[in-house]
Amino acid sequence: MYDYIEGIVTNIYSGSISVNVGGIGFLVNTPSPYSFNEGEKTKVYLYQVVREDELSLYGFKEEKERSLFLKLIGVKGLGPKMALPMLATGSVGGIVDAIERENSLYLKKFPKIGDKVAKQIILDLKGKLGDFKGEEETSEDNSSDLYDALVSLGYKDKEIKGVVGKVDKSLSIGDQIKDALKMLLK
């Protein structure tokens, strides 16, 4: 099992990045590939999946993201390919808040998450996510609001993901939207 890798991001794809470590390119599936900068040295926290027909790496910018990912894939009926899009379109704080408040409607907005899986997530994880509470809930939750605002303005998923990671999260949501629009119009 790998804990993390440090290397140069050589390629950014729609759902993954390639990280060069000592001349070897590791393909790492990540929820937000556009939050990484090509050509920049970075540290990626990893989770490795080894199955009969699969050998995959899942990578995260922060340990909290990886920790939540591990909790999510521990839920019956929820694998890595379903948990990754949850972290791509939602924030750690938003997902934790939805689980604690038993907000299955929020959870069902994620791809491939239906009523049954949303209720299973709440059943398995409610009350077990205390270490994720804190300042992240409010600051990261804005990225979900920003994403929703840009979708409602007609921008495509790929365009939005390219700018959401670059917007200063300390700004008000209105200013974040203005900054994102400036980047999208360049």
N, C-alpha and C. Protein backbone atom coordinates (compact mmCIF):
# COMPACT_ATOMS: atom_id res chain seq x y z
N MET A 1 0.85 -1.18 0.00
CA MET A 1 0.00 0.00 0.00
C MET A 1 0.89 1.24 0.00
N TYR A 2 0.57 2.18 -0.87
CA TYR A 2 1.30 3.44 -0.94
C TYR A 2 0.60 4.48 -0.07
N ASP A 3 1.37 5.35 0.57
CA ASP A 3 0.78 6.44 1.35
C ASP A 3 0.68 7.70 0.49
N TYR A 4 1.77 8.07 -0.16
CA TYR A 4 1.76 9.23 -1.04
C TYR A 4 2.92 9.13 -2.02
N ILE A 5 2.87 9.96 -3.06
CA ILE A 5 4.00 10.10 -3.97
C ILE A 5 4.24 11.59 -4.18
N GLU A 6 5.50 11.93 -4.41
CA GLU A 6 5.86 13.30 -4.76
C GLU A 6 6.52 13.25 -6.12
N GLY A 7 6.07 14.10 -6.99
CA GLY A 7 6.65 14.14 -8.31
C GLY A 7 6.11 15.29 -9.12
N ILE A 8 6.47 15.31 -10.38
CA ILE A 8 6.06 16.37 -11.30
C ILE A 8 4.81 15.90 -12.06
N VAL A 9 3.79 16.75 -12.07
CA VAL A 9 2.59 16.44 -12.84
C VAL A 9 2.92 16.68 -14.32
N THR A 10 2.88 15.61 -15.11
CA THR A 10 3.25 15.73 -16.52
C THR A 10 2.04 15.86 -17.44
N ASN A 11 0.92 15.26 -17.07
CA ASN A 11 -0.30 15.36 -17.89
C ASN A 11 -1.51 15.46 -16.99
N ILE A 12 -2.50 16.20 -17.47
CA ILE A 12 -3.77 16.31 -16.77
C ILE A 12 -4.85 15.82 -17.72
N TYR A 13 -5.59 14.81 -17.30
CA TYR A 13 -6.68 14.25 -18.09
C TYR A 13 -8.00 14.59 -17.41
N SER A 14 -9.12 14.19 -18.00
CA SER A 14 -10.43 14.56 -17.46
C SER A 14 -10.70 13.97 -16.08
N GLY A 15 -10.18 12.78 -15.77
CA GLY A 15 -10.42 12.19 -14.46
C GLY A 15 -9.18 11.73 -13.75
N SER A 16 -8.01 12.09 -14.29
CA SER A 16 -6.77 11.61 -13.71
C SER A 16 -5.61 12.53 -14.05
N ILE A 17 -4.49 12.27 -13.40
CA ILE A 17 -3.25 12.98 -13.69
C ILE A 17 -2.14 11.95 -13.86
N SER A 18 -1.08 12.35 -14.52
CA SER A 18 0.12 11.53 -14.63
C SER A 18 1.21 12.22 -13.83
N VAL A 19 1.81 11.47 -12.90
CA VAL A 19 2.84 12.03 -12.03
C VAL A 19 4.16 11.30 -12.32
N ASN A 20 5.18 12.05 -12.71
CA ASN A 20 6.50 11.49 -13.00
C ASN A 20 7.30 11.44 -11.71
N VAL A 21 7.65 10.21 -11.30
CA VAL A 21 8.48 10.01 -10.11
C VAL A 21 9.67 9.16 -10.52
N GLY A 22 10.84 9.76 -10.58
CA GLY A 22 12.05 9.03 -10.93
C GLY A 22 12.00 8.42 -12.32
N GLY A 23 11.39 9.09 -13.26
CA GLY A 23 11.32 8.59 -14.63
C GLY A 23 10.17 7.64 -14.89
N ILE A 24 9.34 7.36 -13.90
CA ILE A 24 8.17 6.50 -14.08
C ILE A 24 6.92 7.36 -13.96
N GLY A 25 6.02 7.22 -14.93
CA GLY A 25 4.78 7.98 -14.91
C GLY A 25 3.66 7.18 -14.27
N PHE A 26 3.15 7.66 -13.15
CA PHE A 26 2.05 7.00 -12.46
C PHE A 26 0.74 7.66 -12.87
N LEU A 27 -0.20 6.87 -13.36
CA LEU A 27 -1.53 7.37 -13.69
C LEU A 27 -2.37 7.30 -12.43
N VAL A 28 -2.83 8.46 -11.96
CA VAL A 28 -3.54 8.54 -10.69
C VAL A 28 -4.94 9.11 -10.95
N ASN A 29 -5.97 8.33 -10.64
CA ASN A 29 -7.35 8.81 -10.73
C ASN A 29 -7.57 9.79 -9.58
N THR A 30 -8.14 10.92 -9.88
CA THR A 30 -8.33 11.95 -8.85
C THR A 30 -9.66 12.66 -9.05
N PRO A 31 -10.29 13.10 -7.96
CA PRO A 31 -11.58 13.77 -8.10
C PRO A 31 -11.47 15.14 -8.77
N SER A 32 -10.35 15.81 -8.61
CA SER A 32 -10.21 17.15 -9.18
C SER A 32 -8.85 17.31 -9.86
N PRO A 33 -8.70 16.75 -11.06
CA PRO A 33 -7.40 16.82 -11.73
C PRO A 33 -6.97 18.24 -12.06
N TYR A 34 -7.93 19.14 -12.26
CA TYR A 34 -7.59 20.51 -12.66
C TYR A 34 -7.15 21.36 -11.47
N SER A 35 -7.16 20.78 -10.27
CA SER A 35 -6.62 21.51 -9.13
C SER A 35 -5.10 21.34 -9.05
N PHE A 36 -4.56 20.44 -9.88
CA PHE A 36 -3.11 20.25 -9.99
C PHE A 36 -2.61 21.09 -11.16
N ASN A 37 -1.37 21.52 -11.09
CA ASN A 37 -0.78 22.32 -12.17
C ASN A 37 0.26 21.49 -12.91
N GLU A 38 0.12 21.44 -14.23
CA GLU A 38 1.06 20.69 -15.05
C GLU A 38 2.46 21.29 -14.94
N GLY A 39 3.46 20.43 -14.80
CA GLY A 39 4.83 20.87 -14.70
C GLY A 39 5.27 21.24 -13.29
N GLU A 40 4.37 21.15 -12.35
CA GLU A 40 4.66 21.54 -10.97
C GLU A 40 4.89 20.31 -10.10
N LYS A 41 5.85 20.41 -9.18
CA LYS A 41 6.07 19.32 -8.23
C LYS A 41 4.93 19.31 -7.22
N THR A 42 4.41 18.13 -6.95
CA THR A 42 3.27 18.03 -6.05
C THR A 42 3.34 16.76 -5.22
N LYS A 43 2.58 16.75 -4.15
CA LYS A 43 2.45 15.57 -3.28
C LYS A 43 1.01 15.09 -3.41
N VAL A 44 0.86 13.81 -3.71
CA VAL A 44 -0.47 13.23 -3.91
C VAL A 44 -0.64 12.08 -2.92
N TYR A 45 -1.69 12.16 -2.08
CA TYR A 45 -2.01 11.11 -1.13
C TYR A 45 -2.76 10.00 -1.87
N LEU A 46 -2.34 8.77 -1.69
CA LEU A 46 -2.81 7.67 -2.53
C LEU A 46 -3.65 6.63 -1.81
N TYR A 47 -4.47 5.96 -2.61
CA TYR A 47 -5.15 4.73 -2.21
C TYR A 47 -5.01 3.80 -3.41
N GLN A 48 -4.55 2.58 -3.17
CA GLN A 48 -4.33 1.63 -4.25
C GLN A 48 -5.40 0.54 -4.22
N VAL A 49 -5.95 0.25 -5.39
CA VAL A 49 -6.93 -0.82 -5.54
C VAL A 49 -6.26 -1.94 -6.34
N VAL A 50 -6.23 -3.13 -5.75
CA VAL A 50 -5.67 -4.30 -6.42
C VAL A 50 -6.75 -5.37 -6.47
N ARG A 51 -7.15 -5.71 -7.68
CA ARG A 51 -8.14 -6.76 -7.89
C ARG A 51 -7.63 -7.65 -9.01
N GLU A 52 -8.33 -8.73 -9.22
CA GLU A 52 -7.93 -9.68 -10.26
C GLU A 52 -7.78 -9.02 -11.62
N ASP A 53 -8.67 -8.09 -11.93
CA ASP A 53 -8.68 -7.45 -13.24
C ASP A 53 -8.35 -5.96 -13.20
N GLU A 54 -7.82 -5.48 -12.07
CA GLU A 54 -7.58 -4.04 -11.94
C GLU A 54 -6.42 -3.76 -10.99
N LEU A 55 -5.61 -2.78 -11.36
CA LEU A 55 -4.59 -2.22 -10.49
C LEU A 55 -4.66 -0.71 -10.71
N SER A 56 -5.22 0.00 -9.74
CA SER A 56 -5.47 1.43 -9.90
C SER A 56 -4.96 2.22 -8.70
N LEU A 57 -4.59 3.46 -8.98
CA LEU A 57 -4.22 4.40 -7.93
C LEU A 57 -5.25 5.53 -7.91
N TYR A 58 -5.69 5.88 -6.71
CA TYR A 58 -6.59 7.02 -6.52
C TYR A 58 -5.82 8.03 -5.69
N GLY A 59 -5.81 9.28 -6.13
CA GLY A 59 -4.99 10.29 -5.47
C GLY A 59 -5.77 11.51 -5.05
N PHE A 60 -5.30 12.14 -3.98
CA PHE A 60 -5.98 13.29 -3.38
C PHE A 60 -4.97 14.33 -2.95
N LYS A 61 -5.36 15.60 -3.06
CA LYS A 61 -4.47 16.69 -2.66
C LYS A 61 -4.31 16.77 -1.15
N GLU A 62 -5.36 16.38 -0.42
CA GLU A 62 -5.33 16.48 1.04
C GLU A 62 -5.65 15.14 1.67
N GLU A 63 -5.09 14.93 2.87
CA GLU A 63 -5.34 13.68 3.58
C GLU A 63 -6.80 13.53 3.99
N LYS A 64 -7.46 14.66 4.29
CA LYS A 64 -8.88 14.59 4.69
C LYS A 64 -9.74 14.06 3.56
N GLU A 65 -9.42 14.45 2.33
CA GLU A 65 -10.16 13.93 1.17
C GLU A 65 -10.00 12.42 1.08
N ARG A 66 -8.77 11.96 1.23
CA ARG A 66 -8.51 10.52 1.16
C ARG A 66 -9.22 9.79 2.30
N SER A 67 -9.20 10.36 3.49
CA SER A 67 -9.86 9.73 4.64
C SER A 67 -11.36 9.58 4.41
N LEU A 68 -11.98 10.63 3.87
CA LEU A 68 -13.42 10.54 3.59
C LEU A 68 -13.67 9.52 2.48
N PHE A 69 -12.82 9.50 1.48
CA PHE A 69 -12.92 8.52 0.39
C PHE A 69 -12.90 7.10 0.96
N LEU A 70 -11.98 6.84 1.88
CA LEU A 70 -11.87 5.51 2.49
C LEU A 70 -13.12 5.16 3.30
N LYS A 71 -13.67 6.14 4.00
CA LYS A 71 -14.93 5.89 4.73
C LYS A 71 -16.06 5.59 3.76
N LEU A 72 -16.13 6.35 2.66
CA LEU A 72 -17.21 6.16 1.69
C LEU A 72 -17.13 4.78 1.02
N ILE A 73 -15.93 4.34 0.65
CA ILE A 73 -15.84 3.04 -0.04
C ILE A 73 -16.05 1.88 0.93
N GLY A 74 -16.07 2.17 2.23
CA GLY A 74 -16.39 1.16 3.23
C GLY A 74 -17.89 0.90 3.34
N VAL A 75 -18.69 1.76 2.71
CA VAL A 75 -20.14 1.61 2.73
C VAL A 75 -20.54 0.51 1.74
N LYS A 76 -21.44 -0.36 2.19
CA LYS A 76 -21.92 -1.45 1.33
C LYS A 76 -22.55 -0.89 0.06
N GLY A 77 -22.08 -1.37 -1.08
CA GLY A 77 -22.63 -0.94 -2.37
C GLY A 77 -21.99 0.29 -2.97
N LEU A 78 -20.94 0.81 -2.33
CA LEU A 78 -20.29 2.03 -2.81
C LEU A 78 -18.80 1.75 -3.01
N GLY A 79 -18.38 1.71 -4.27
CA GLY A 79 -16.98 1.44 -4.58
C GLY A 79 -16.23 2.70 -4.94
N PRO A 80 -14.94 2.56 -5.27
CA PRO A 80 -14.12 3.73 -5.60
C PRO A 80 -14.64 4.52 -6.79
N LYS A 81 -15.20 3.84 -7.79
CA LYS A 81 -15.67 4.55 -8.98
C LYS A 81 -16.95 5.34 -8.72
N MET A 82 -17.65 5.04 -7.63
CA MET A 82 -18.82 5.83 -7.25
C MET A 82 -18.45 6.91 -6.25
N ALA A 83 -17.45 6.65 -5.40
CA ALA A 83 -17.05 7.61 -4.38
C ALA A 83 -16.25 8.77 -4.97
N LEU A 84 -15.45 8.49 -6.00
CA LEU A 84 -14.61 9.54 -6.60
C LEU A 84 -15.43 10.71 -7.15
N PRO A 85 -16.52 10.45 -7.92
CA PRO A 85 -17.33 11.58 -8.40
C PRO A 85 -18.00 12.37 -7.27
N MET A 86 -18.24 11.72 -6.13
CA MET A 86 -18.82 12.46 -5.00
C MET A 86 -17.85 13.53 -4.53
N LEU A 87 -16.58 13.19 -4.44
CA LEU A 87 -15.57 14.16 -4.02
C LEU A 87 -15.26 15.17 -5.11
N ALA A 88 -15.51 14.79 -6.37
CA ALA A 88 -15.25 15.70 -7.48
C ALA A 88 -16.27 16.83 -7.53
N THR A 89 -17.52 16.51 -7.26
CA THR A 89 -18.57 17.52 -7.38
C THR A 89 -19.03 18.08 -6.05
N GLY A 90 -18.68 17.42 -4.96
CA GLY A 90 -19.06 17.90 -3.63
C GLY A 90 -17.81 18.23 -2.83
N SER A 91 -18.00 18.87 -1.70
CA SER A 91 -16.89 19.19 -0.82
C SER A 91 -16.90 18.23 0.36
N VAL A 92 -15.76 18.09 1.02
CA VAL A 92 -15.68 17.23 2.19
C VAL A 92 -16.70 17.69 3.22
N GLY A 93 -16.70 19.00 3.50
CA GLY A 93 -17.63 19.54 4.49
C GLY A 93 -19.08 19.35 4.10
N GLY A 94 -19.40 19.54 2.82
CA GLY A 94 -20.78 19.39 2.35
C GLY A 94 -21.27 17.96 2.46
N ILE A 95 -20.41 17.00 2.11
CA ILE A 95 -20.78 15.59 2.18
C ILE A 95 -20.97 15.16 3.64
N VAL A 96 -20.03 15.56 4.50
CA VAL A 96 -20.12 15.22 5.92
C VAL A 96 -21.38 15.83 6.53
N ASP A 97 -21.65 17.08 6.21
CA ASP A 97 -22.85 17.76 6.73
C ASP A 97 -24.12 17.04 6.27
N ALA A 98 -24.17 16.64 5.01
CA ALA A 98 -25.35 15.93 4.49
C ALA A 98 -25.55 14.60 5.21
N ILE A 99 -24.47 13.90 5.49
CA ILE A 99 -24.58 12.61 6.19
C ILE A 99 -25.07 12.84 7.62
N GLU A 100 -24.49 13.81 8.30
CA GLU A 100 -24.87 14.07 9.70
C GLU A 100 -26.31 14.57 9.82
N ARG A 101 -26.79 15.30 8.83
CA ARG A 101 -28.16 15.82 8.86
C ARG A 101 -29.17 14.89 8.19
N GLU A 102 -28.66 13.73 7.73
CA GLU A 102 -29.49 12.73 7.04
C GLU A 102 -30.16 13.32 5.79
N ASN A 103 -29.41 14.13 5.06
CA ASN A 103 -29.91 14.79 3.85
C ASN A 103 -29.65 13.90 2.64
N SER A 104 -30.53 12.94 2.41
CA SER A 104 -30.35 12.01 1.30
C SER A 104 -30.54 12.70 -0.05
N LEU A 105 -31.29 13.80 -0.10
CA LEU A 105 -31.47 14.53 -1.36
C LEU A 105 -30.13 15.08 -1.86
N TYR A 106 -29.32 15.60 -0.94
CA TYR A 106 -27.99 16.11 -1.31
C TYR A 106 -27.13 14.98 -1.85
N LEU A 107 -27.16 13.84 -1.19
CA LEU A 107 -26.33 12.70 -1.60
C LEU A 107 -26.78 12.13 -2.94
N LYS A 108 -28.09 12.18 -3.22
CA LYS A 108 -28.62 11.62 -4.47
C LYS A 108 -28.28 12.48 -5.68
N LYS A 109 -27.76 13.68 -5.48
CA LYS A 109 -27.39 14.53 -6.62
C LYS A 109 -26.10 14.04 -7.29
N PHE A 110 -25.36 13.18 -6.61
CA PHE A 110 -24.12 12.66 -7.17
C PHE A 110 -24.41 11.54 -8.16
N PRO A 111 -23.55 11.39 -9.18
CA PRO A 111 -23.77 10.35 -10.19
C PRO A 111 -23.83 8.94 -9.57
N LYS A 112 -24.78 8.16 -10.04
CA LYS A 112 -24.96 6.75 -9.65
C LYS A 112 -25.36 6.55 -8.19
N ILE A 113 -25.69 7.61 -7.47
CA ILE A 113 -26.13 7.47 -6.08
C ILE A 113 -27.65 7.60 -6.06
N GLY A 114 -28.30 6.48 -5.83
CA GLY A 114 -29.75 6.47 -5.75
C GLY A 114 -30.20 6.51 -4.31
N ASP A 115 -31.50 6.35 -4.11
CA ASP A 115 -32.09 6.44 -2.78
C ASP A 115 -31.53 5.36 -1.84
N LYS A 116 -31.41 4.15 -2.34
CA LYS A 116 -30.93 3.04 -1.52
C LYS A 116 -29.49 3.26 -1.04
N VAL A 117 -28.61 3.67 -1.95
CA VAL A 117 -27.21 3.90 -1.59
C VAL A 117 -27.08 5.11 -0.67
N ALA A 118 -27.85 6.17 -0.92
CA ALA A 118 -27.80 7.36 -0.07
C ALA A 118 -28.20 7.01 1.37
N LYS A 119 -29.24 6.21 1.52
CA LYS A 119 -29.68 5.80 2.86
C LYS A 119 -28.64 4.90 3.52
N GLN A 120 -27.97 4.06 2.73
CA GLN A 120 -26.93 3.19 3.27
C GLN A 120 -25.73 4.01 3.74
N ILE A 121 -25.38 5.06 3.00
CA ILE A 121 -24.28 5.95 3.40
C ILE A 121 -24.60 6.57 4.76
N ILE A 122 -25.81 7.08 4.88
CA ILE A 122 -26.22 7.72 6.14
C ILE A 122 -26.22 6.71 7.28
N LEU A 123 -26.77 5.53 7.02
CA LEU A 123 -26.84 4.48 8.05
C LEU A 123 -25.44 4.07 8.52
N ASP A 124 -24.51 3.89 7.59
CA ASP A 124 -23.17 3.42 7.94
C ASP A 124 -22.26 4.50 8.52
N LEU A 125 -22.44 5.76 8.12
CA LEU A 125 -21.46 6.79 8.50
C LEU A 125 -21.94 7.85 9.48
N LYS A 126 -23.26 7.96 9.69
CA LYS A 126 -23.75 9.01 10.59
C LYS A 126 -23.18 8.82 11.99
N GLY A 127 -22.61 9.89 12.52
CA GLY A 127 -22.02 9.85 13.85
C GLY A 127 -20.59 9.36 13.89
N LYS A 128 -20.06 8.95 12.75
CA LYS A 128 -18.69 8.41 12.70
C LYS A 128 -17.73 9.34 11.96
N LEU A 129 -18.14 10.58 11.72
CA LEU A 129 -17.32 11.50 10.92
C LEU A 129 -16.91 12.74 11.70
N GLY A 130 -16.81 12.63 13.02
CA GLY A 130 -16.49 13.77 13.87
C GLY A 130 -15.16 14.42 13.54
N ASP A 131 -14.18 13.62 13.06
CA ASP A 131 -12.87 14.18 12.77
C ASP A 131 -12.84 15.02 11.49
N PHE A 132 -13.95 15.10 10.76
CA PHE A 132 -14.03 15.91 9.54
C PHE A 132 -14.69 17.26 9.78
N LYS A 133 -15.20 17.48 10.98
CA LYS A 133 -15.89 18.75 11.26
C LYS A 133 -14.87 19.84 11.52
N GLY A 134 -15.25 21.07 11.22
CA GLY A 134 -14.35 22.19 11.45
C GLY A 134 -14.49 23.25 10.39
N GLU A 135 -13.42 23.98 10.19
CA GLU A 135 -13.47 25.13 9.28
C GLU A 135 -13.69 24.71 7.84
N GLU A 136 -13.40 23.48 7.47
CA GLU A 136 -13.57 23.05 6.08
C GLU A 136 -15.03 23.09 5.65
N GLU A 137 -15.94 22.81 6.58
CA GLU A 137 -17.35 22.75 6.21
C GLU A 137 -17.82 24.05 5.57
N THR A 138 -17.44 25.17 6.15
CA THR A 138 -17.92 26.42 5.60
C THR A 138 -17.12 26.87 4.39
N SER A 139 -15.79 26.74 4.45
CA SER A 139 -14.99 27.26 3.35
C SER A 139 -15.11 26.40 2.10
N GLU A 140 -15.09 25.06 2.24
CA GLU A 140 -15.14 24.21 1.07
C GLU A 140 -16.55 24.12 0.50
N ASP A 141 -17.55 24.33 1.34
CA ASP A 141 -18.91 24.22 0.86
C ASP A 141 -19.18 25.24 -0.24
N ASN A 142 -18.43 26.37 -0.23
CA ASN A 142 -18.59 27.38 -1.27
C ASN A 142 -18.22 26.85 -2.65
N SER A 143 -17.29 25.90 -2.74
CA SER A 143 -16.91 25.37 -4.05
C SER A 143 -18.08 24.64 -4.69
N SER A 144 -18.91 23.99 -3.87
CA SER A 144 -20.10 23.32 -4.38
C SER A 144 -21.11 24.37 -4.87
N ASP A 145 -21.25 25.46 -4.10
CA ASP A 145 -22.14 26.55 -4.51
C ASP A 145 -21.64 27.20 -5.79
N LEU A 146 -20.32 27.39 -5.88
CA LEU A 146 -19.72 27.98 -7.08
C LEU A 146 -19.97 27.07 -8.28
N TYR A 147 -19.76 25.78 -8.11
CA TYR A 147 -19.98 24.80 -9.18
C TYR A 147 -21.44 24.87 -9.65
N ASP A 148 -22.38 24.83 -8.69
CA ASP A 148 -23.81 24.88 -9.03
C ASP A 148 -24.16 26.17 -9.77
N ALA A 149 -23.57 27.29 -9.33
CA ALA A 149 -23.85 28.58 -9.97
C ALA A 149 -23.37 28.58 -11.42
N LEU A 150 -22.18 28.04 -11.67
CA LEU A 150 -21.63 28.02 -13.03
C LEU A 150 -22.40 27.05 -13.93
N VAL A 151 -22.87 25.94 -13.36
CA VAL A 151 -23.72 25.01 -14.14
C VAL A 151 -25.00 25.71 -14.55
N SER A 152 -25.59 26.46 -13.61
CA SER A 152 -26.85 27.15 -13.93
C SER A 152 -26.66 28.25 -14.98
N LEU A 153 -25.42 28.73 -15.14
CA LEU A 153 -25.13 29.73 -16.17
C LEU A 153 -24.82 29.09 -17.52
N GLY A 154 -24.82 27.74 -17.56
CA GLY A 154 -24.68 27.04 -18.83
C GLY A 154 -23.27 26.55 -19.15
N TYR A 155 -22.34 26.65 -18.20
CA TYR A 155 -20.99 26.16 -18.46
C TYR A 155 -20.92 24.65 -18.32
N LYS A 156 -20.02 24.04 -19.07
CA LYS A 156 -19.86 22.59 -19.06
C LYS A 156 -18.95 22.16 -17.90
N ASP A 157 -19.13 20.91 -17.48
CA ASP A 157 -18.42 20.34 -16.35
C ASP A 157 -16.90 20.52 -16.47
N LYS A 158 -16.35 20.23 -17.63
CA LYS A 158 -14.90 20.31 -17.83
C LYS A 158 -14.41 21.75 -17.67
N GLU A 159 -15.17 22.72 -18.20
CA GLU A 159 -14.78 24.13 -18.07
C GLU A 159 -14.79 24.55 -16.60
N ILE A 160 -15.83 24.12 -15.89
CA ILE A 160 -15.99 24.52 -14.48
C ILE A 160 -14.87 23.95 -13.63
N LYS A 161 -14.58 22.67 -13.81
CA LYS A 161 -13.53 22.03 -13.00
C LYS A 161 -12.17 22.67 -13.24
N GLY A 162 -11.97 23.25 -14.42
CA GLY A 162 -10.72 23.91 -14.74
C GLY A 162 -10.51 25.20 -13.97
N VAL A 163 -11.58 25.83 -13.50
CA VAL A 163 -11.43 27.11 -12.81
C VAL A 163 -11.76 27.05 -11.32
N VAL A 164 -12.58 26.10 -10.88
CA VAL A 164 -13.01 26.06 -9.48
C VAL A 164 -11.82 25.96 -8.53
N GLY A 165 -10.82 25.16 -8.88
CA GLY A 165 -9.65 25.01 -8.02
C GLY A 165 -8.77 26.24 -7.97
N LYS A 166 -8.91 27.13 -8.95
CA LYS A 166 -8.06 28.32 -9.02
C LYS A 166 -8.65 29.54 -8.32
N VAL A 167 -9.93 29.45 -7.95
CA VAL A 167 -10.62 30.58 -7.33
C VAL A 167 -10.28 30.64 -5.83
N ASP A 168 -10.04 31.84 -5.32
CA ASP A 168 -9.72 32.04 -3.91
C ASP A 168 -10.95 31.75 -3.06
N LYS A 169 -10.87 30.71 -2.22
CA LYS A 169 -12.01 30.26 -1.41
C LYS A 169 -12.33 31.20 -0.25
N SER A 170 -11.42 32.14 0.05
CA SER A 170 -11.68 33.05 1.16
C SER A 170 -12.62 34.19 0.76
N LEU A 171 -12.85 34.36 -0.54
CA LEU A 171 -13.75 35.40 -1.03
C LEU A 171 -15.21 35.01 -0.79
N SER A 172 -16.09 35.99 -0.83
CA SER A 172 -17.52 35.69 -0.75
C SER A 172 -17.92 34.93 -2.01
N ILE A 173 -19.04 34.23 -1.94
CA ILE A 173 -19.47 33.41 -3.07
C ILE A 173 -19.70 34.29 -4.32
N GLY A 174 -20.18 35.49 -4.12
CA GLY A 174 -20.39 36.41 -5.24
C GLY A 174 -19.08 36.77 -5.94
N ASP A 175 -18.06 37.06 -5.13
CA ASP A 175 -16.75 37.38 -5.70
C ASP A 175 -16.10 36.16 -6.35
N GLN A 176 -16.34 34.99 -5.76
CA GLN A 176 -15.82 33.75 -6.37
C GLN A 176 -16.42 33.55 -7.75
N ILE A 177 -17.71 33.79 -7.89
CA ILE A 177 -18.38 33.64 -9.18
C ILE A 177 -17.81 34.63 -10.18
N LYS A 178 -17.60 35.88 -9.75
CA LYS A 178 -17.03 36.90 -10.65
C LYS A 178 -15.64 36.48 -11.13
N ASP A 179 -14.80 36.00 -10.20
CA ASP A 179 -13.46 35.57 -10.58
C ASP A 179 -13.51 34.39 -11.55
N ALA A 180 -14.39 33.44 -11.27
CA ALA A 180 -14.52 32.26 -12.14
C ALA A 180 -14.97 32.67 -13.53
N LEU A 181 -15.92 33.60 -13.61
CA LEU A 181 -16.40 34.08 -14.91
C LEU A 181 -15.29 34.77 -15.68
N LYS A 182 -14.45 35.55 -15.00
CA LYS A 182 -13.33 36.22 -15.66
C LYS A 182 -12.39 35.18 -16.27
N MET A 183 -12.12 34.11 -15.51
CA MET A 183 -11.24 33.05 -16.01
C MET A 183 -11.87 32.31 -17.19
N LEU A 184 -13.17 32.08 -17.11
CA LEU A 184 -13.85 31.34 -18.17
C LEU A 184 -13.93 32.15 -19.45
N LEU A 185 -13.97 33.47 -19.34
CA LEU A 185 -14.11 34.32 -20.53
C LEU A 185 -12.78 34.64 -21.19
N LYS A 186 -11.66 34.24 -20.59
CA LYS A 186 -10.34 34.50 -21.19
C LYS A 186 -10.10 33.62 -22.37
